[in-house]
Amino acid sequence: MGGQTIGFRVEGEDDVESPALRCTLVPGQAQVDRLDSATRDTATTDAAALDTATVAAVLGWIGDWLGTDDDLAPFYALAEADPPFQPIIQRLYGYHQVRFFTPFENACWAILGQRTPLSAARAAKRRLMEQYGGAADVDGHTILGFPESSDLIGISSQDLAGLVGSERKADRLLAIARAFAAESAATLQAMPTEQLGAWLQALPGIGPWSVSFILLRGFGRVDAPLPLGTTQAFDRELLQVGRAVYGADLTVDGLTRIAERYGSQWGSWAHYLRVAN
């Protein structure tokens, strides 16, 4: 957060119909603040290490990460007309989509994971975190933070390529870092989904599937363009989990028709489908 690494621990409070979270922030002495839609903007702290504005900003990021302000009612209303999907709703009722901690991290992961085994992509991401991110000690565990865009823009392409194992990916990561550094988080969040998607697709290495991925998992836009038919890998993955719910004879066309019935809530449906399987 603004060059400072802040660790945190999140715990649930109350019940699924009236949920809230309690967040303990470190470094410094513990700050405990209640995070829900009623108090999120008026958070206070009893610790000198973090000022009130920083605490409020951190709670905002944590809330975005956990999708605390997402309204699930429209999605649940549409799901009532989908009997095969009801057991998933019952099992995950009250679950909000957990996203990448920042859209920038999500965009970088989209690049790191391209044509790369998952284990290698994770190792490259960890090297970035160790070299250019920050660390905080939470309950005796050292937690690494992903770099902010401003942490990467001054790195040479050669040095970055040494960490991620690819000159092309290094060049793309640097270009993406510069683009995110040039726009405030508030500006990007305020963009309509279509405009934000166009901004993302102008980034190097970000195609239609990655656009939907970042819109959904980075920005929480459940109305992101439906990426079925854009890549075989995505079609195969979603079809596999879809068949576990809708039957072994389900086709990509059939899956697309189901997704389209959810309209602007298709992203919530797809995420629940994947989480449940």
Protein backbone atom coordinates (compact mmCIF):
# COMPACT_ATOMS: atom_id res chain seq x y z
CA MET A 1 0.00 0.00 0.00
CA GLY A 2 1.88 3.05 -1.29
CA GLY A 3 5.21 1.27 -0.96
CA GLN A 4 4.52 -0.06 2.53
CA THR A 5 3.94 -3.76 3.10
CA ILE A 6 1.13 -4.48 5.54
CA GLY A 7 0.24 -7.94 6.74
CA PHE A 8 -3.22 -8.87 7.93
CA ARG A 9 -5.35 -11.63 9.37
CA VAL A 10 -9.06 -11.89 8.51
CA GLU A 11 -11.69 -13.65 10.62
CA GLY A 12 -15.41 -14.07 10.06
CA GLU A 13 -18.02 -12.69 12.42
CA ASP A 14 -21.80 -13.03 12.80
CA ASP A 15 -23.64 -15.32 10.38
CA VAL A 16 -24.21 -15.80 6.67
CA GLU A 17 -27.29 -13.56 6.59
CA SER A 18 -25.55 -10.71 8.42
CA PRO A 19 -21.85 -11.22 7.75
CA ALA A 20 -18.90 -9.13 8.83
CA LEU A 21 -15.14 -9.55 8.99
CA ARG A 22 -12.65 -8.62 11.66
CA CYS A 23 -9.23 -7.64 10.29
CA THR A 24 -6.04 -7.46 12.31
CA LEU A 25 -3.38 -5.40 10.55
CA VAL A 26 0.38 -5.50 11.09
CA PRO A 27 3.10 -4.09 11.34
CA GLY A 28 3.03 -2.24 14.61
CA GLN A 29 0.73 -3.09 17.46
CA ALA A 30 -2.46 -4.87 16.43
CA GLN A 31 -5.17 -2.77 14.84
CA VAL A 32 -8.58 -4.38 14.88
CA ASP A 33 -11.31 -2.94 12.71
CA ARG A 34 -14.70 -4.18 11.68
CA LEU A 35 -15.13 -4.47 7.91
CA ASP A 36 -18.64 -4.40 6.52
CA SER A 37 -20.54 -2.10 4.20
CA ALA A 38 -21.80 0.01 7.10
CA THR A 39 -18.45 0.77 8.73
CA ARG A 40 -15.88 0.24 6.01
CA ASP A 41 -15.49 3.91 5.20
CA THR A 42 -15.23 5.05 8.83
CA ALA A 43 -12.57 2.62 10.05
CA THR A 44 -10.39 3.84 12.90
CA THR A 45 -7.19 2.56 14.45
CA ASP A 46 -5.72 2.62 17.91
CA ALA A 47 -2.15 2.15 16.64
CA ALA A 48 0.35 4.83 15.70
CA ALA A 49 2.02 2.64 13.04
CA LEU A 50 -0.77 3.11 10.50
CA ASP A 51 -2.79 6.27 10.11
CA THR A 52 -6.55 6.26 9.69
CA ALA A 53 -6.44 6.90 5.94
CA THR A 54 -4.06 4.00 5.38
CA VAL A 55 -6.19 1.65 7.49
CA ALA A 56 -9.30 2.64 5.52
CA ALA A 57 -7.47 2.07 2.23
CA VAL A 58 -6.17 -1.33 3.36
CA LEU A 59 -9.63 -2.41 4.47
CA GLY A 60 -10.94 -1.31 1.09
CA TRP A 61 -8.40 -3.51 -0.70
CA ILE A 62 -9.19 -6.48 1.55
CA GLY A 63 -12.89 -5.97 0.92
CA ASP A 64 -12.35 -5.88 -2.83
CA TRP A 65 -10.16 -8.99 -2.63
CA LEU A 66 -12.90 -10.91 -0.83
CA GLY A 67 -15.79 -9.39 -2.79
CA THR A 68 -17.48 -8.24 0.41
CA ASP A 69 -19.68 -5.68 -1.35
CA ASP A 70 -20.83 -8.02 -4.13
CA ASP A 71 -24.62 -8.32 -4.26
CA LEU A 72 -25.37 -12.03 -4.65
CA ALA A 73 -29.17 -11.63 -4.75
CA PRO A 74 -29.50 -11.16 -8.56
CA PHE A 75 -27.31 -14.22 -9.18
CA TYR A 76 -29.26 -16.35 -6.70
CA ALA A 77 -32.55 -15.24 -8.25
CA LEU A 78 -31.43 -16.40 -11.69
CA ALA A 79 -30.14 -19.69 -10.25
CA GLU A 80 -33.65 -20.56 -9.03
CA ALA A 81 -34.51 -21.45 -12.65
CA ASP A 82 -31.54 -23.83 -12.86
CA PRO A 83 -32.43 -26.98 -10.84
CA PRO A 84 -29.17 -28.90 -11.52
CA PHE A 85 -27.24 -25.93 -10.12
CA GLN A 86 -29.23 -25.67 -6.89
CA PRO A 87 -27.10 -28.13 -4.86
CA ILE A 88 -24.07 -25.91 -5.55
CA ILE A 89 -25.97 -22.81 -4.40
CA GLN A 90 -26.98 -24.59 -1.22
CA ARG A 91 -23.44 -25.76 -0.54
CA LEU A 92 -21.77 -22.40 -1.26
CA TYR A 93 -24.58 -20.10 -0.10
CA GLY A 94 -23.13 -16.79 1.03
CA TYR A 95 -19.78 -17.33 -0.67
CA HIS A 96 -18.35 -14.22 -2.31
CA GLN A 97 -15.78 -14.50 -5.07
CA VAL A 98 -12.20 -14.32 -3.81
CA ARG A 99 -10.13 -12.44 -6.37
CA PHE A 100 -6.50 -11.71 -7.01
CA PHE A 101 -5.42 -9.16 -4.44
CA THR A 102 -4.98 -6.52 -7.14
CA PRO A 103 -5.90 -6.37 -10.84
CA PHE A 104 -2.23 -5.67 -11.56
CA GLU A 105 -1.20 -8.95 -9.93
CA ASN A 106 -3.90 -10.70 -11.97
CA ALA A 107 -2.62 -9.18 -15.23
CA CYS A 108 0.94 -10.24 -14.41
CA TRP A 109 -0.24 -13.76 -13.62
CA ALA A 110 -2.01 -13.91 -16.99
CA ILE A 111 1.37 -13.25 -18.63
CA LEU A 112 3.39 -15.56 -16.38
CA GLY A 113 1.01 -18.46 -16.98
CA GLN A 114 1.03 -18.28 -20.78
CA ARG A 115 2.31 -21.51 -22.35
CA THR A 116 4.00 -22.37 -19.06
CA PRO A 117 3.51 -25.24 -16.58
CA LEU A 118 1.73 -24.04 -13.45
CA SER A 119 4.67 -24.94 -11.21
CA ALA A 120 7.06 -22.85 -13.33
CA ALA A 121 4.66 -19.88 -13.38
CA ARG A 122 4.31 -20.04 -9.59
CA ALA A 123 8.08 -20.17 -9.17
CA ALA A 124 8.54 -17.11 -11.40
CA LYS A 125 5.87 -15.23 -9.45
CA ARG A 126 7.55 -16.08 -6.16
CA ARG A 127 10.90 -14.82 -7.46
CA LEU A 128 9.24 -11.52 -8.35
CA MET A 129 7.75 -11.30 -4.86
CA GLU A 130 11.04 -12.14 -3.15
CA GLN A 131 13.04 -9.66 -5.23
CA TYR A 132 10.68 -6.71 -5.67
CA GLY A 133 7.71 -7.24 -3.36
CA GLY A 134 7.54 -6.78 0.38
CA ALA A 135 7.23 -9.03 3.40
CA ALA A 136 5.36 -8.91 6.68
CA ASP A 137 5.39 -11.22 9.69
CA VAL A 138 1.91 -12.42 10.59
CA ASP A 139 1.52 -14.83 13.52
CA GLY A 140 5.10 -16.01 13.09
CA HIS A 141 4.77 -16.58 9.34
CA THR A 142 6.59 -14.45 6.77
CA ILE A 143 4.04 -13.40 4.17
CA LEU A 144 5.25 -12.08 0.81
CA GLY A 145 3.41 -9.33 -1.02
CA PHE A 146 3.28 -9.02 -4.81
CA PRO A 147 5.06 -5.92 -6.19
CA GLU A 148 3.06 -2.85 -7.08
CA SER A 149 3.33 -1.57 -10.63
CA SER A 150 5.59 1.24 -9.42
CA ASP A 151 8.02 -1.37 -8.05
CA LEU A 152 8.59 -2.86 -11.51
CA ILE A 153 8.72 0.10 -13.89
CA GLY A 154 12.35 0.93 -13.08
CA ILE A 155 13.68 -2.59 -13.61
CA SER A 156 15.62 -3.40 -16.76
CA SER A 157 14.09 -5.89 -19.16
CA GLN A 158 17.21 -8.02 -18.85
CA ASP A 159 17.00 -8.25 -15.06
CA LEU A 160 13.31 -9.05 -15.19
CA ALA A 161 13.86 -11.71 -17.87
CA GLY A 162 16.35 -13.39 -15.56
CA LEU A 163 13.62 -13.77 -12.95
CA VAL A 164 10.74 -14.87 -15.16
CA GLY A 165 12.78 -16.88 -17.65
CA SER A 166 11.57 -15.13 -20.80
CA GLU A 167 12.52 -11.90 -22.56
CA ARG A 168 9.10 -11.65 -24.18
CA LYS A 169 7.29 -12.03 -20.86
CA ALA A 170 9.65 -9.52 -19.24
CA ASP A 171 8.89 -6.94 -21.94
CA ARG A 172 5.16 -7.54 -21.56
CA LEU A 173 5.29 -7.29 -17.76
CA LEU A 174 7.16 -3.99 -17.97
CA ALA A 175 4.64 -2.56 -20.43
CA ILE A 176 1.76 -3.69 -18.23
CA ALA A 177 3.44 -2.20 -15.14
CA ARG A 178 3.83 1.14 -16.92
CA ALA A 179 0.19 1.11 -18.01
CA PHE A 180 -1.11 0.40 -14.50
CA ALA A 181 1.28 2.95 -12.97
CA ALA A 182 -0.08 5.61 -15.32
CA GLU A 183 -3.69 5.06 -14.21
CA SER A 184 -5.02 5.35 -10.68
CA ALA A 185 -6.86 2.37 -9.21
CA ALA A 186 -9.92 4.58 -8.76
CA THR A 187 -9.91 5.54 -12.45
CA LEU A 188 -9.79 1.91 -13.56
CA GLN A 189 -12.47 0.86 -11.08
CA ALA A 190 -14.77 3.62 -12.33
CA MET A 191 -14.57 2.53 -15.97
CA PRO A 192 -17.59 0.70 -17.43
CA THR A 193 -16.81 -2.95 -18.08
CA GLU A 194 -16.67 -2.57 -21.86
CA GLN A 195 -14.28 0.39 -21.67
CA LEU A 196 -12.12 -1.36 -19.08
CA GLY A 197 -12.00 -4.47 -21.26
CA ALA A 198 -10.79 -2.37 -24.21
CA TRP A 199 -8.09 -0.82 -22.00
CA LEU A 200 -6.92 -4.27 -20.91
CA GLN A 201 -6.93 -5.69 -24.44
CA ALA A 202 -4.60 -2.89 -25.55
CA LEU A 203 -1.95 -4.29 -23.19
CA PRO A 204 0.68 -6.56 -24.80
CA GLY A 205 -0.03 -10.26 -24.41
CA ILE A 206 -3.58 -9.72 -23.16
CA GLY A 207 -6.08 -11.36 -25.53
CA PRO A 208 -9.85 -11.90 -25.25
CA TRP A 209 -9.57 -14.77 -22.75
CA SER A 210 -7.14 -12.85 -20.52
CA VAL A 211 -9.40 -9.80 -20.67
CA SER A 212 -12.33 -11.79 -19.29
CA PHE A 213 -10.04 -13.45 -16.74
CA ILE A 214 -8.75 -10.12 -15.39
CA LEU A 215 -12.15 -8.43 -15.48
CA LEU A 216 -13.67 -11.29 -13.47
CA ARG A 217 -10.86 -12.29 -11.10
CA GLY A 218 -9.06 -8.96 -10.81
CA PHE A 219 -11.86 -6.39 -10.94
CA GLY A 220 -14.80 -8.57 -9.89
CA ARG A 221 -16.80 -7.73 -13.02
CA VAL A 222 -19.22 -10.66 -13.27
CA ASP A 223 -20.56 -9.14 -16.51
CA ALA A 224 -17.22 -9.63 -18.26
CA PRO A 225 -17.47 -10.94 -21.86
CA LEU A 226 -18.14 -14.67 -21.95
CA PRO A 227 -14.83 -16.25 -23.11
CA LEU A 228 -16.28 -19.59 -24.22
CA GLY A 229 -14.98 -20.30 -27.70
CA THR A 230 -11.87 -18.11 -27.36
CA THR A 231 -9.43 -20.81 -26.21
CA GLN A 232 -9.65 -24.58 -26.18
CA ALA A 233 -8.10 -24.75 -22.71
CA PHE A 234 -10.84 -22.61 -21.15
CA ASP A 235 -13.60 -24.46 -23.02
CA ARG A 236 -12.20 -27.81 -21.91
CA GLU A 237 -11.87 -26.77 -18.27
CA LEU A 238 -15.36 -25.24 -17.94
CA LEU A 239 -16.92 -28.11 -19.90
CA GLN A 240 -15.34 -30.62 -17.52
CA VAL A 241 -16.82 -28.98 -14.42
CA GLY A 242 -20.09 -28.31 -16.24
CA ARG A 243 -20.58 -31.98 -17.07
CA ALA A 244 -20.31 -32.84 -13.38
CA VAL A 245 -23.45 -30.74 -12.85
CA TYR A 246 -25.40 -30.87 -16.11
CA GLY A 247 -24.56 -34.33 -17.41
CA ALA A 248 -21.84 -36.11 -19.37
CA ASP A 249 -23.40 -35.27 -22.74
CA LEU A 250 -23.09 -31.50 -22.23
CA THR A 251 -21.47 -29.71 -25.20
CA VAL A 252 -19.77 -26.32 -25.43
CA ASP A 253 -22.86 -24.97 -27.21
CA GLY A 254 -25.07 -26.26 -24.41
CA LEU A 255 -22.78 -24.76 -21.79
CA THR A 256 -22.86 -21.43 -23.63
CA ARG A 257 -26.66 -21.42 -23.65
CA ILE A 258 -26.74 -22.03 -19.88
CA ALA A 259 -24.21 -19.25 -19.28
CA GLU A 260 -26.19 -16.84 -21.44
CA ARG A 261 -29.30 -17.42 -19.30
CA TYR A 262 -27.38 -15.86 -16.42
CA GLY A 263 -26.80 -12.69 -18.47
CA SER A 264 -24.70 -10.15 -16.59
CA GLN A 265 -24.29 -12.65 -13.73
CA TRP A 266 -22.63 -15.36 -15.81
CA GLY A 267 -19.30 -14.71 -14.07
CA SER A 268 -20.72 -15.64 -10.67
CA TRP A 269 -22.23 -18.81 -12.15
CA ALA A 270 -18.93 -19.84 -13.76
CA HIS A 271 -16.96 -19.12 -10.61
CA TYR A 272 -19.33 -21.13 -8.40
CA LEU A 273 -19.19 -23.94 -10.94
CA ARG A 274 -15.40 -24.07 -10.83
CA VAL A 275 -15.12 -23.67 -7.04
CA ALA A 276 -17.62 -26.47 -6.45
CA ASN A 277 -15.65 -28.89 -8.59
